[in-house]
C-alpha cells in the first residue's frame, strides 16, 4: 500500500514577511522573487507530498519565521495537528483503512 503524503499549507504570511520569505527559500529552493510571490498568494501549498516528518519540519520553519502554516494529509485532506499522540482521531475520509492513514495514527516509532 502506498504511504500517504503530507503537504505544508501556508495560511498567512504573518508580520515578519522577510523571515517568512527566507523560510520558504530554505524549504523550496525557490529564488527570492518566487518565494515572495508564493508568500503573497497565501493560502497556498508550499510543498508537494512528502513524509510527515519532513512536512512537520517545514511547517516549524515557517512558524519560527512568523508565518502561519498547517500540515495537510494528501489522502483525506485533513489538517494535521502537529505533536505527539493521535494526529486526528476522526476516521479517514479516504478509501484506506483508518489504521493505515497517518492522519489518524502517528508513524510507528523506529
PDB file of N, CA and C in Angstrom:
ATOM      1  N   UNK A   1       0.841  -1.178   0.000  1.00  0.00           N
ATOM      2  CA  UNK A   1       0.000   0.000   0.000  1.00  0.00           C
ATOM      3  C   UNK A   1       0.887   1.244   0.000  1.00  0.00           C
ATOM      4  N   UNK A   2       0.515   2.214  -0.760  1.00  0.00           N
ATOM      5  CA  UNK A   2       1.264   3.460  -0.871  1.00  0.00           C
ATOM      6  C   UNK A   2       1.154   4.265   0.422  1.00  0.00           C
ATOM      7  N   UNK A   3       2.280   4.833   0.851  1.00  0.00           N
ATOM      8  CA  UNK A   3       2.288   5.683   2.033  1.00  0.00           C
ATOM      9  C   UNK A   3       1.604   7.011   1.694  1.00  0.00           C
ATOM     10  N   UNK A   4       0.826   7.544   2.618  1.00  0.00           N
ATOM     11  CA  UNK A   4       0.219   8.848   2.358  1.00  0.00           C
ATOM     12  C   UNK A   4       1.272   9.940   2.399  1.00  0.00           C
ATOM     13  N   UNK A   5       1.041  10.966   1.638  1.00  0.00           N
ATOM     14  CA  UNK A   5       1.929  12.116   1.673  1.00  0.00           C
ATOM     15  C   UNK A   5       1.270  13.238   2.447  1.00  0.00           C
ATOM     16  N   UNK A   6       2.063  14.170   2.867  1.00  0.00           N
ATOM     17  CA  UNK A   6       1.567  15.349   3.566  1.00  0.00           C
ATOM     18  C   UNK A   6       2.151  16.557   2.891  1.00  0.00           C
ATOM     19  N   UNK A   7       1.417  17.648   2.891  1.00  0.00           N
ATOM     20  CA  UNK A   7       1.917  18.884   2.302  1.00  0.00           C
ATOM     21  C   UNK A   7       1.758  20.015   3.308  1.00  0.00           C
ATOM     22  N   UNK A   8       2.576  21.034   3.150  1.00  0.00           N
ATOM     23  CA  UNK A   8       2.526  22.195   4.031  1.00  0.00           C
ATOM     24  C   UNK A   8       1.712  23.273   3.335  1.00  0.00           C
ATOM     25  N   UNK A   9       0.723  23.783   4.039  1.00  0.00           N
ATOM     26  CA  UNK A   9      -0.115  24.864   3.533  1.00  0.00           C
ATOM     27  C   UNK A   9       0.226  26.128   4.305  1.00  0.00           C
ATOM     28  N   UNK A  10       0.717  27.126   3.598  1.00  0.00           N
ATOM     29  CA  UNK A  10       0.984  28.432   4.198  1.00  0.00           C
ATOM     30  C   UNK A  10      -0.348  29.158   4.273  1.00  0.00           C
ATOM     31  N   UNK A  11      -0.829  29.416   5.480  1.00  0.00           N
ATOM     32  CA  UNK A  11      -2.150  30.028   5.631  1.00  0.00           C
ATOM     33  C   UNK A  11      -2.099  31.551   5.656  1.00  0.00           C
ATOM     34  N   UNK A  12      -1.029  32.121   6.227  1.00  0.00           N
ATOM     35  CA  UNK A  12      -0.847  33.572   6.177  1.00  0.00           C
ATOM     36  C   UNK A  12       0.621  33.911   6.389  1.00  0.00           C
ATOM     37  N   UNK A  13       1.006  35.082   5.926  1.00  0.00           N
ATOM     38  CA  UNK A  13       2.405  35.490   5.942  1.00  0.00           C
ATOM     39  C   UNK A  13       2.894  35.893   7.328  1.00  0.00           C
ATOM     40  N   UNK A  14       2.016  36.376   8.166  1.00  0.00           N
ATOM     41  CA  UNK A  14       2.443  36.864   9.471  1.00  0.00           C
ATOM     42  C   UNK A  14       3.034  38.257   9.353  1.00  0.00           C
ATOM     43  N   UNK A  15       3.664  38.725  10.443  1.00  0.00           N
ATOM     44  CA  UNK A  15       4.198  40.084  10.484  1.00  0.00           C
ATOM     45  C   UNK A  15       5.637  40.190   9.997  1.00  0.00           C
ATOM     46  N   UNK A  16       6.375  39.097  10.020  1.00  0.00           N
ATOM     47  CA  UNK A  16       7.792  39.105   9.653  1.00  0.00           C
ATOM     48  C   UNK A  16       7.960  38.522   8.248  1.00  0.00           C
ATOM     49  N   UNK A  17       7.548  39.287   7.254  1.00  0.00           N
ATOM     50  CA  UNK A  17       7.492  38.773   5.881  1.00  0.00           C
ATOM     51  C   UNK A  17       8.856  38.377   5.314  1.00  0.00           C
ATOM     52  N   UNK A  18       9.898  39.148   5.603  1.00  0.00           N
ATOM     53  CA  UNK A  18      11.218  38.784   5.066  1.00  0.00           C
ATOM     54  C   UNK A  18      11.706  37.475   5.675  1.00  0.00           C
ATOM     55  N   UNK A  19      11.439  37.255   6.959  1.00  0.00           N
ATOM     56  CA  UNK A  19      11.815  35.984   7.587  1.00  0.00           C
ATOM     57  C   UNK A  19      11.032  34.834   6.957  1.00  0.00           C
ATOM     58  N   UNK A  20       9.753  35.082   6.671  1.00  0.00           N
ATOM     59  CA  UNK A  20       8.925  34.055   6.037  1.00  0.00           C
ATOM     60  C   UNK A  20       9.425  33.743   4.624  1.00  0.00           C
ATOM     61  N   UNK A  21       9.845  34.764   3.888  1.00  0.00           N
ATOM     62  CA  UNK A  21      10.397  34.547   2.542  1.00  0.00           C
ATOM     63  C   UNK A  21      11.664  33.697   2.631  1.00  0.00           C
ATOM     64  N   UNK A  22      12.515  33.991   3.597  1.00  0.00           N
ATOM     65  CA  UNK A  22      13.737  33.196   3.782  1.00  0.00           C
ATOM     66  C   UNK A  22      13.405  31.743   4.116  1.00  0.00           C
ATOM     67  N   UNK A  23      12.388  31.546   4.944  1.00  0.00           N
ATOM     68  CA  UNK A  23      11.980  30.180   5.290  1.00  0.00           C
ATOM     69  C   UNK A  23      11.452  29.444   4.059  1.00  0.00           C
ATOM     70  N   UNK A  24      10.671  30.116   3.240  1.00  0.00           N
ATOM     71  CA  UNK A  24      10.165  29.499   2.007  1.00  0.00           C
ATOM     72  C   UNK A  24      11.328  29.123   1.095  1.00  0.00           C
ATOM     73  N   UNK A  25      12.322  30.004   0.989  1.00  0.00           N
ATOM     74  CA  UNK A  25      13.503  29.704   0.166  1.00  0.00           C
ATOM     75  C   UNK A  25      14.236  28.479   0.681  1.00  0.00           C
ATOM     76  N   UNK A  26      14.353  28.366   2.003  1.00  0.00           N
ATOM     77  CA  UNK A  26      15.028  27.213   2.604  1.00  0.00           C
ATOM     78  C   UNK A  26      14.274  25.925   2.299  1.00  0.00           C
ATOM     79  N   UNK A  27      12.962  25.974   2.376  1.00  0.00           N
ATOM     80  CA  UNK A  27      12.131  24.782   2.180  1.00  0.00           C
ATOM     81  C   UNK A  27      12.069  24.375   0.715  1.00  0.00           C
ATOM     82  N   UNK A  28      11.874  25.349  -0.166  1.00  0.00           N
ATOM     83  CA  UNK A  28      11.595  25.052  -1.572  1.00  0.00           C
ATOM     84  C   UNK A  28      12.795  25.180  -2.502  1.00  0.00           C
ATOM     85  N   UNK A  29      13.760  25.996  -2.142  1.00  0.00           N
ATOM     86  CA  UNK A  29      14.877  26.266  -3.039  1.00  0.00           C
ATOM     87  C   UNK A  29      14.539  27.285  -4.109  1.00  0.00           C
ATOM     88  N   UNK A  30      13.393  27.938  -3.990  1.00  0.00           N
ATOM     89  CA  UNK A  30      12.996  28.955  -4.961  1.00  0.00           C
ATOM     90  C   UNK A  30      13.847  30.214  -4.805  1.00  0.00           C
ATOM     91  N   UNK A  31      13.834  31.044  -5.820  1.00  0.00           N
ATOM     92  CA  UNK A  31      14.540  32.322  -5.756  1.00  0.00           C
ATOM     93  C   UNK A  31      13.817  33.253  -4.777  1.00  0.00           C
ATOM     94  N   UNK A  32      14.491  34.328  -4.423  1.00  0.00           N
ATOM     95  CA  UNK A  32      13.893  35.323  -3.535  1.00  0.00           C
ATOM     96  C   UNK A  32      12.589  35.857  -4.130  1.00  0.00           C
ATOM     97  N   UNK A  33      12.624  36.174  -5.420  1.00  0.00           N
ATOM     98  CA  UNK A  33      11.453  36.711  -6.113  1.00  0.00           C
ATOM     99  C   UNK A  33      10.280  35.724  -6.070  1.00  0.00           C
ATOM    100  N   UNK A  34      10.531  34.463  -6.445  1.00  0.00           N
ATOM    101  CA  UNK A  34       9.464  33.469  -6.473  1.00  0.00           C
ATOM    102  C   UNK A  34       8.973  33.112  -5.068  1.00  0.00           C
ATOM    103  N   UNK A  35       9.863  33.152  -4.100  1.00  0.00           N
ATOM    104  CA  UNK A  35       9.451  32.907  -2.714  1.00  0.00           C
ATOM    105  C   UNK A  35       8.511  34.008  -2.243  1.00  0.00           C
ATOM    106  N   UNK A  36       8.813  35.243  -2.615  1.00  0.00           N
ATOM    107  CA  UNK A  36       7.960  36.381  -2.250  1.00  0.00           C
ATOM    108  C   UNK A  36       6.593  36.256  -2.942  1.00  0.00           C
ATOM    109  N   UNK A  37       6.585  35.851  -4.201  1.00  0.00           N
ATOM    110  CA  UNK A  37       5.322  35.653  -4.913  1.00  0.00           C
ATOM    111  C   UNK A  37       4.478  34.563  -4.247  1.00  0.00           C
ATOM    112  N   UNK A  38       5.121  33.479  -3.837  1.00  0.00           N
ATOM    113  CA  UNK A  38       4.417  32.402  -3.155  1.00  0.00           C
ATOM    114  C   UNK A  38       3.834  32.894  -1.837  1.00  0.00           C
ATOM    115  N   UNK A  39       4.603  33.668  -1.093  1.00  0.00           N
ATOM    116  CA  UNK A  39       4.129  34.220   0.176  1.00  0.00           C
ATOM    117  C   UNK A  39       2.911  35.111  -0.031  1.00  0.00           C
ATOM    118  N   UNK A  40       2.928  35.903  -1.087  1.00  0.00           N
ATOM    119  CA  UNK A  40       1.821  36.819  -1.368  1.00  0.00           C
ATOM    120  C   UNK A  40       0.546  36.093  -1.800  1.00  0.00           C
ATOM    121  N   UNK A  41       0.665  34.822  -2.205  1.00  0.00           N
ATOM    122  CA  UNK A  41      -0.506  34.061  -2.654  1.00  0.00           C
ATOM    123  C   UNK A  41      -1.194  33.297  -1.524  1.00  0.00           C
ATOM    124  N   UNK A  42      -0.720  33.426  -0.298  1.00  0.00           N
ATOM    125  CA  UNK A  42      -1.277  32.661   0.829  1.00  0.00           C
ATOM    126  C   UNK A  42      -2.787  32.855   0.901  1.00  0.00           C
ATOM    127  N   UNK A  43      -3.537  31.803   1.147  1.00  0.00           N
ATOM    128  CA  UNK A  43      -3.127  30.438   1.469  1.00  0.00           C
ATOM    129  C   UNK A  43      -2.719  29.661   0.218  1.00  0.00           C
ATOM    130  N   UNK A  44      -1.583  28.969   0.334  1.00  0.00           N
ATOM    131  CA  UNK A  44      -1.010  28.232  -0.784  1.00  0.00           C
ATOM    132  C   UNK A  44      -0.173  27.071  -0.255  1.00  0.00           C
ATOM    133  N   UNK A  45      -0.124  25.993  -1.039  1.00  0.00           N
ATOM    134  CA  UNK A  45       0.725  24.851  -0.675  1.00  0.00           C
ATOM    135  C   UNK A  45       2.173  25.214  -0.942  1.00  0.00           C
ATOM    136  N   UNK A  46       3.026  25.017   0.046  1.00  0.00           N
ATOM    137  CA  UNK A  46       4.445  25.324  -0.084  1.00  0.00           C
ATOM    138  C   UNK A  46       5.218  24.091  -0.538  1.00  0.00           C
ATOM    139  N   UNK A  47       4.761  22.914  -0.144  1.00  0.00           N
ATOM    140  CA  UNK A  47       5.426  21.671  -0.542  1.00  0.00           C
ATOM    141  C   UNK A  47       4.436  20.749  -1.222  1.00  0.00           C
ATOM    142  N   UNK A  48       4.960  19.842  -2.000  1.00  0.00           N
ATOM    143  CA  UNK A  48       4.157  18.760  -2.537  1.00  0.00           C
ATOM    144  C   UNK A  48       4.113  17.646  -1.509  1.00  0.00           C
ATOM    145  N   UNK A  49       3.581  16.499  -1.878  1.00  0.00           N
ATOM    146  CA  UNK A  49       3.508  15.386  -0.930  1.00  0.00           C
ATOM    147  C   UNK A  49       4.894  14.952  -0.451  1.00  0.00           C
ATOM    148  N   UNK A  50       5.045  14.898   0.862  1.00  0.00           N
ATOM    149  CA  UNK A  50       6.289  14.481   1.498  1.00  0.00           C
ATOM    150  C   UNK A  50       5.950  13.645   2.730  1.00  0.00           C
ATOM    151  N   UNK A  51       6.971  13.077   3.330  1.00  0.00           N
ATOM    152  CA  UNK A  51       6.800  12.347   4.580  1.00  0.00           C
ATOM    153  C   UNK A  51       6.345  13.315   5.669  1.00  0.00           C
ATOM    154  N   UNK A  52       5.624  12.794   6.639  1.00  0.00           N
ATOM    155  CA  UNK A  52       5.113  13.606   7.738  1.00  0.00           C
ATOM    156  C   UNK A  52       6.237  14.348   8.456  1.00  0.00           C
ATOM    157  N   UNK A  53       7.338  13.685   8.698  1.00  0.00           N
ATOM    158  CA  UNK A  53       8.443  14.299   9.424  1.00  0.00           C
ATOM    159  C   UNK A  53       9.003  15.502   8.666  1.00  0.00           C
ATOM    160  N   UNK A  54       9.114  15.393   7.346  1.00  0.00           N
ATOM    161  CA  UNK A  54       9.641  16.490   6.527  1.00  0.00           C
ATOM    162  C   UNK A  54       8.670  17.669   6.501  1.00  0.00           C
ATOM    163  N   UNK A  55       7.379  17.394   6.399  1.00  0.00           N
ATOM    164  CA  UNK A  55       6.417  18.491   6.380  1.00  0.00           C
ATOM    165  C   UNK A  55       6.291  19.139   7.748  1.00  0.00           C
ATOM    166  N   UNK A  56       6.431  18.344   8.804  1.00  0.00           N
ATOM    167  CA  UNK A  56       6.389  18.895  10.155  1.00  0.00           C
ATOM    168  C   UNK A  56       7.549  19.868  10.355  1.00  0.00           C
ATOM    169  N   UNK A  57       8.720  19.498   9.882  1.00  0.00           N
ATOM    170  CA  UNK A  57       9.894  20.369   9.983  1.00  0.00           C
ATOM    171  C   UNK A  57       9.710  21.636   9.141  1.00  0.00           C
ATOM    172  N   UNK A  58       9.163  21.501   7.944  1.00  0.00           N
ATOM    173  CA  UNK A  58       8.929  22.672   7.084  1.00  0.00           C
ATOM    174  C   UNK A  58       7.920  23.625   7.732  1.00  0.00           C
ATOM    175  N   UNK A  59       6.857  23.083   8.299  1.00  0.00           N
ATOM    176  CA  UNK A  59       5.860  23.921   8.972  1.00  0.00           C
ATOM    177  C   UNK A  59       6.481  24.615  10.180  1.00  0.00           C
ATOM    178  N   UNK A  60       7.354  23.919  10.902  1.00  0.00           N
ATOM    179  CA  UNK A  60       8.030  24.515  12.052  1.00  0.00           C
ATOM    180  C   UNK A  60       8.923  25.677  11.603  1.00  0.00           C
ATOM    181  N   UNK A  61       9.646  25.503  10.486  1.00  0.00           N
ATOM    182  CA  UNK A  61      10.481  26.590   9.961  1.00  0.00           C
ATOM    183  C   UNK A  61       9.652  27.827   9.625  1.00  0.00           C
ATOM    184  N   UNK A  62       8.506  27.612   8.989  1.00  0.00           N
ATOM    185  CA  UNK A  62       7.632  28.736   8.646  1.00  0.00           C
ATOM    186  C   UNK A  62       7.093  29.426   9.895  1.00  0.00           C
ATOM    187  N   UNK A  63       6.678  28.642  10.871  1.00  0.00           N
ATOM    188  CA  UNK A  63       6.140  29.227  12.096  1.00  0.00           C
ATOM    189  C   UNK A  63       7.214  29.957  12.888  1.00  0.00           C
ATOM    190  N   UNK A  64       8.432  29.420  12.899  1.00  0.00           N
ATOM    191  CA  UNK A  64       9.538  30.106  13.565  1.00  0.00           C
ATOM    192  C   UNK A  64       9.845  31.444  12.891  1.00  0.00           C
ATOM    193  N   UNK A  65       9.521  31.552  11.604  1.00  0.00           N
ATOM    194  CA  UNK A  65       9.734  32.789  10.846  1.00  0.00           C
ATOM    195  C   UNK A  65       8.543  33.739  10.967  1.00  0.00           C
ATOM    196  N   UNK A  66       7.548  33.378  11.758  1.00  0.00           N
ATOM    197  CA  UNK A  66       6.408  34.259  11.970  1.00  0.00           C
ATOM    198  C   UNK A  66       5.219  34.011  11.062  1.00  0.00           C
ATOM    199  N   UNK A  67       5.338  33.070  10.135  1.00  0.00           N
ATOM    200  CA  UNK A  67       4.225  32.746   9.235  1.00  0.00           C
ATOM    201  C   UNK A  67       3.307  31.737   9.921  1.00  0.00           C
ATOM    202  N   UNK A  68       2.140  31.543   9.347  1.00  0.00           N
ATOM    203  CA  UNK A  68       1.190  30.559   9.865  1.00  0.00           C
ATOM    204  C   UNK A  68       1.069  29.436   8.837  1.00  0.00           C
ATOM    205  N   UNK A  69       1.301  28.192   9.297  1.00  0.00           N
ATOM    206  CA  UNK A  69       1.298  27.053   8.384  1.00  0.00           C
ATOM    207  C   UNK A  69       0.603  25.867   9.031  1.00  0.00           C
ATOM    208  N   UNK A  70       0.035  25.021   8.188  1.00  0.00           N
ATOM    209  CA  UNK A  70      -0.572  23.781   8.651  1.00  0.00           C
ATOM    210  C   UNK A  70      -0.069  22.637   7.783  1.00  0.00           C
ATOM    211  N   UNK A  71      -0.192  21.434   8.310  1.00  0.00           N
ATOM    212  CA  UNK A  71       0.162  20.227   7.576  1.00  0.00           C
ATOM    213  C   UNK A  71      -1.146  19.555   7.180  1.00  0.00           C
ATOM    214  N   UNK A  72      -1.257  19.164   5.908  1.00  0.00           N
ATOM    215  CA  UNK A  72      -2.483  18.581   5.376  1.00  0.00           C
ATOM    216  C   UNK A  72      -2.184  17.189   4.819  1.00  0.00           C
ATOM    217  N   UNK A  73      -3.049  16.219   5.139  1.00  0.00           N
ATOM    218  CA  UNK A  73      -2.897  14.858   4.633  1.00  0.00           C
ATOM    219  C   UNK A  73      -3.322  14.808   3.164  1.00  0.00           C
ATOM    220  N   UNK A  74      -2.500  14.172   2.333  1.00  0.00           N
ATOM    221  CA  UNK A  74      -2.829  14.043   0.917  1.00  0.00           C
ATOM    222  C   UNK A  74      -3.930  13.014   0.669  1.00  0.00           C
ATOM    223  N   UNK A  75      -4.087  12.077   1.569  1.00  0.00           N
ATOM    224  CA  UNK A  75      -5.100  11.044   1.389  1.00  0.00           C
ATOM    225  C   UNK A  75      -6.502  11.589   1.611  1.00  0.00           C
ATOM    226  N   UNK A  76      -6.674  12.330   2.702  1.00  0.00           N
ATOM    227  CA  UNK A  76      -8.045  12.709   3.073  1.00  0.00           C
ATOM    228  C   UNK A  76      -8.225  14.213   3.277  1.00  0.00           C
ATOM    229  N   UNK A  77      -7.197  15.001   2.968  1.00  0.00           N
ATOM    230  CA  UNK A  77      -7.246  16.468   3.051  1.00  0.00           C
ATOM    231  C   UNK A  77      -7.567  17.005   4.436  1.00  0.00           C
ATOM    232  N   UNK A  78      -7.266  16.217   5.472  1.00  0.00           N
ATOM    233  CA  UNK A  78      -7.471  16.725   6.828  1.00  0.00           C
ATOM    234  C   UNK A  78      -6.249  17.516   7.280  1.00  0.00           C
ATOM    235  N   UNK A  79      -6.493  18.550   8.059  1.00  0.00           N
ATOM    236  CA  UNK A  79      -5.428  19.313   8.673  1.00  0.00           C
ATOM    237  C   UNK A  79      -4.904  18.524   9.855  1.00  0.00           C
ATOM    238  N   UNK A  80      -3.603  18.405   9.952  1.00  0.00           N
ATOM    239  CA  UNK A  80      -2.965  17.616  10.986  1.00  0.00           C
ATOM    240  C   UNK A  80      -2.494  18.530  12.105  1.00  0.00           C
ATOM    241  N   UNK A  81      -2.845  18.186  13.328  1.00  0.00           N
ATOM    242  CA  UNK A  81      -2.335  18.898  14.487  1.00  0.00           C
ATOM    243  C   UNK A  81      -0.980  18.301  14.808  1.00  0.00           C
ATOM    244  N   UNK A  82       0.043  19.125  14.746  1.00  0.00           N
ATOM    245  CA  UNK A  82       1.383  18.614  14.980  1.00  0.00           C
ATOM    246  C   UNK A  82       1.603  18.369  16.461  1.00  0.00           C
ATOM    247  N   UNK A  83       2.280  17.281  16.776  1.00  0.00           N
ATOM    248  CA  UNK A  83       2.576  16.930  18.158  1.00  0.00           C
ATOM    249  C   UNK A  83       2.451  15.438  18.353  1.00  0.00           C
ATOM    250  N   UNK A  84       2.577  15.001  19.583  1.00  0.00           N
ATOM    251  CA  UNK A  84       2.560  13.573  19.893  1.00  0.00           C
ATOM    252  C   UNK A  84       1.137  13.034  19.981  1.00  0.00           C
ATOM    253  N   UNK A  85       1.023  11.729  19.930  1.00  0.00           N
ATOM    254  CA  UNK A  85      -0.269  11.066  20.082  1.00  0.00           C
ATOM    255  C   UNK A  85      -1.020  10.994  18.776  1.00  0.00           C
ATOM    256  N   UNK A  86      -2.320  10.727  18.884  1.00  0.00           N
ATOM    257  CA  UNK A  86      -3.156  10.677  17.688  1.00  0.00           C
ATOM    258  C   UNK A  86      -3.102  12.021  16.984  1.00  0.00           C
ATOM    259  N   UNK A  87      -2.898  11.987  15.695  1.00  0.00           N
ATOM    260  CA  UNK A  87      -2.821  13.227  14.944  1.00  0.00           C
ATOM    261  C   UNK A  87      -4.201  13.807  14.712  1.00  0.00           C
ATOM    262  N   UNK A  88      -5.150  12.962  14.403  1.00  0.00           N
ATOM    263  CA  UNK A  88      -6.544  13.375  14.233  1.00  0.00           C
ATOM    264  C   UNK A  88      -7.389  12.133  14.504  1.00  0.00           C
ATOM    265  N   UNK A  89      -8.140  12.108  15.587  1.00  0.00           N
ATOM    266  CA  UNK A  89      -8.866  10.895  15.951  1.00  0.00           C
ATOM    267  C   UNK A  89     -10.065  10.570  15.050  1.00  0.00           C
ATOM    268  N   UNK A  90     -10.462  11.471  14.193  1.00  0.00           N
ATOM    269  CA  UNK A  90     -11.595  11.204  13.305  1.00  0.00           C
ATOM    270  C   UNK A  90     -11.226  10.131  12.285  1.00  0.00           C
ATOM    271  N   UNK A  91     -12.201   9.379  11.783  1.00  0.00           N
ATOM    272  CA  UNK A  91     -11.891   8.348  10.780  1.00  0.00           C
ATOM    273  C   UNK A  91     -11.429   8.973   9.469  1.00  0.00           C
ATOM    274  N   UNK A  92     -10.591   8.233   8.766  1.00  0.00           N
ATOM    275  CA  UNK A  92     -10.075   8.677   7.471  1.00  0.00           C
ATOM    276  C   UNK A  92     -11.231   8.810   6.486  1.00  0.00           C
ATOM    277  N   UNK A  93     -11.221   9.882   5.713  1.00  0.00           N
ATOM    278  CA  UNK A  93     -12.267  10.111   4.724  1.00  0.00           C
ATOM    279  C   UNK A  93     -11.907   9.520   3.369  1.00  0.00           C
ATOM    280  N   UNK A  94     -10.702   8.975   3.260  1.00  0.00           N
ATOM    281  CA  UNK A  94     -10.250   8.360   2.016  1.00  0.00           C
ATOM    282  C   UNK A  94     -10.669   6.899   1.971  1.00  0.00           C
ATOM    283  N   UNK A  95     -10.309   6.202   0.916  1.00  0.00           N
ATOM    284  CA  UNK A  95     -10.709   4.800   0.766  1.00  0.00           C
ATOM    285  C   UNK A  95      -9.808   3.823   1.514  1.00  0.00           C
ATOM    286  N   UNK A  96      -8.949   4.305   2.420  1.00  0.00           N
ATOM    287  CA  UNK A  96      -7.994   3.456   3.102  1.00  0.00           C
ATOM    288  C   UNK A  96      -8.466   3.151   4.518  1.00  0.00           C
ATOM    289  N   UNK A  97      -8.011   2.036   5.083  1.00  0.00           N
ATOM    290  CA  UNK A  97      -8.384   1.707   6.459  1.00  0.00           C
ATOM    291  C   UNK A  97      -7.801   2.736   7.430  1.00  0.00           C
ATOM    292  N   UNK A  98      -8.525   3.029   8.501  1.00  0.00           N
ATOM    293  CA  UNK A  98      -8.100   4.058   9.455  1.00  0.00           C
ATOM    294  C   UNK A  98      -6.740   3.750  10.071  1.00  0.00           C
ATOM    295  N   UNK A  99      -6.415   2.474  10.264  1.00  0.00           N
ATOM    296  CA  UNK A  99      -5.129   2.153  10.866  1.00  0.00           C
ATOM    297  C   UNK A  99      -3.967   2.370   9.903  1.00  0.00           C
ATOM    298  N   UNK A 100      -4.241   2.573   8.610  1.00  0.00           N
ATOM    299  CA  UNK A 100      -3.198   2.842   7.634  1.00  0.00           C
ATOM    300  C   UNK A 100      -3.030   4.338   7.375  1.00  0.00           C
ATOM    301  N   UNK A 101      -4.029   5.120   7.691  1.00  0.00           N
ATOM    302  CA  UNK A 101      -3.993   6.562   7.429  1.00  0.00           C
ATOM    303  C   UNK A 101      -3.167   7.255   8.501  1.00  0.00           C
ATOM    304  N   UNK A 102      -2.100   7.925   8.098  1.00  0.00           N
ATOM    305  CA  UNK A 102      -1.230   8.573   9.067  1.00  0.00           C
ATOM    306  C   UNK A 102      -1.831   9.860   9.592  1.00  0.00           C
ATOM    307  N   UNK A 103      -2.936  10.298   9.050  1.00  0.00           N
ATOM    308  CA  UNK A 103      -3.629  11.429   9.648  1.00  0.00           C
ATOM    309  C   UNK A 103      -4.381  10.982  10.893  1.00  0.00           C
ATOM    310  N   UNK A 104      -4.688   9.681  10.965  1.00  0.00           N
ATOM    311  CA  UNK A 104      -5.376   9.125  12.127  1.00  0.00           C
ATOM    312  C   UNK A 104      -4.405   8.525  13.130  1.00  0.00           C
ATOM    313  N   UNK A 105      -3.295   8.006  12.656  1.00  0.00           N
ATOM    314  CA  UNK A 105      -2.350   7.298  13.523  1.00  0.00           C
ATOM    315  C   UNK A 105      -0.957   7.880  13.332  1.00  0.00           C
ATOM    316  N   UNK A 106      -0.213   8.052  14.432  1.00  0.00           N
ATOM    317  CA  UNK A 106       1.158   8.535  14.285  1.00  0.00           C
ATOM    318  C   UNK A 106       2.032   7.464  13.651  1.00  0.00           C
ATOM    319  N   UNK A 107       3.134   7.853  13.034  1.00  0.00           N
ATOM    320  CA  UNK A 107       4.017   6.855  12.435  1.00  0.00           C
ATOM    321  C   UNK A 107       4.597   5.949  13.518  1.00  0.00           C
ATOM    322  N   UNK A 108       4.910   4.737  13.152  1.00  0.00           N
ATOM    323  CA  UNK A 108       5.490   3.790  14.097  1.00  0.00           C
ATOM    324  C   UNK A 108       6.877   4.279  14.505  1.00  0.00           C
ATOM    325  N   UNK A 109       7.136   4.213  15.798  1.00  0.00           N
ATOM    326  CA  UNK A 109       8.457   4.633  16.283  1.00  0.00           C
ATOM    327  C   UNK A 109       9.482   3.621  15.821  1.00  0.00           C
ATOM    328  N   UNK A 110      10.567   4.107  15.278  1.00  0.00           N
ATOM    329  CA  UNK A 110      11.540   3.190  14.724  1.00  0.00           C
ATOM    330  C   UNK A 110      12.861   3.360  15.197  1.00  0.00           C
TER     331      UNK A 110
END
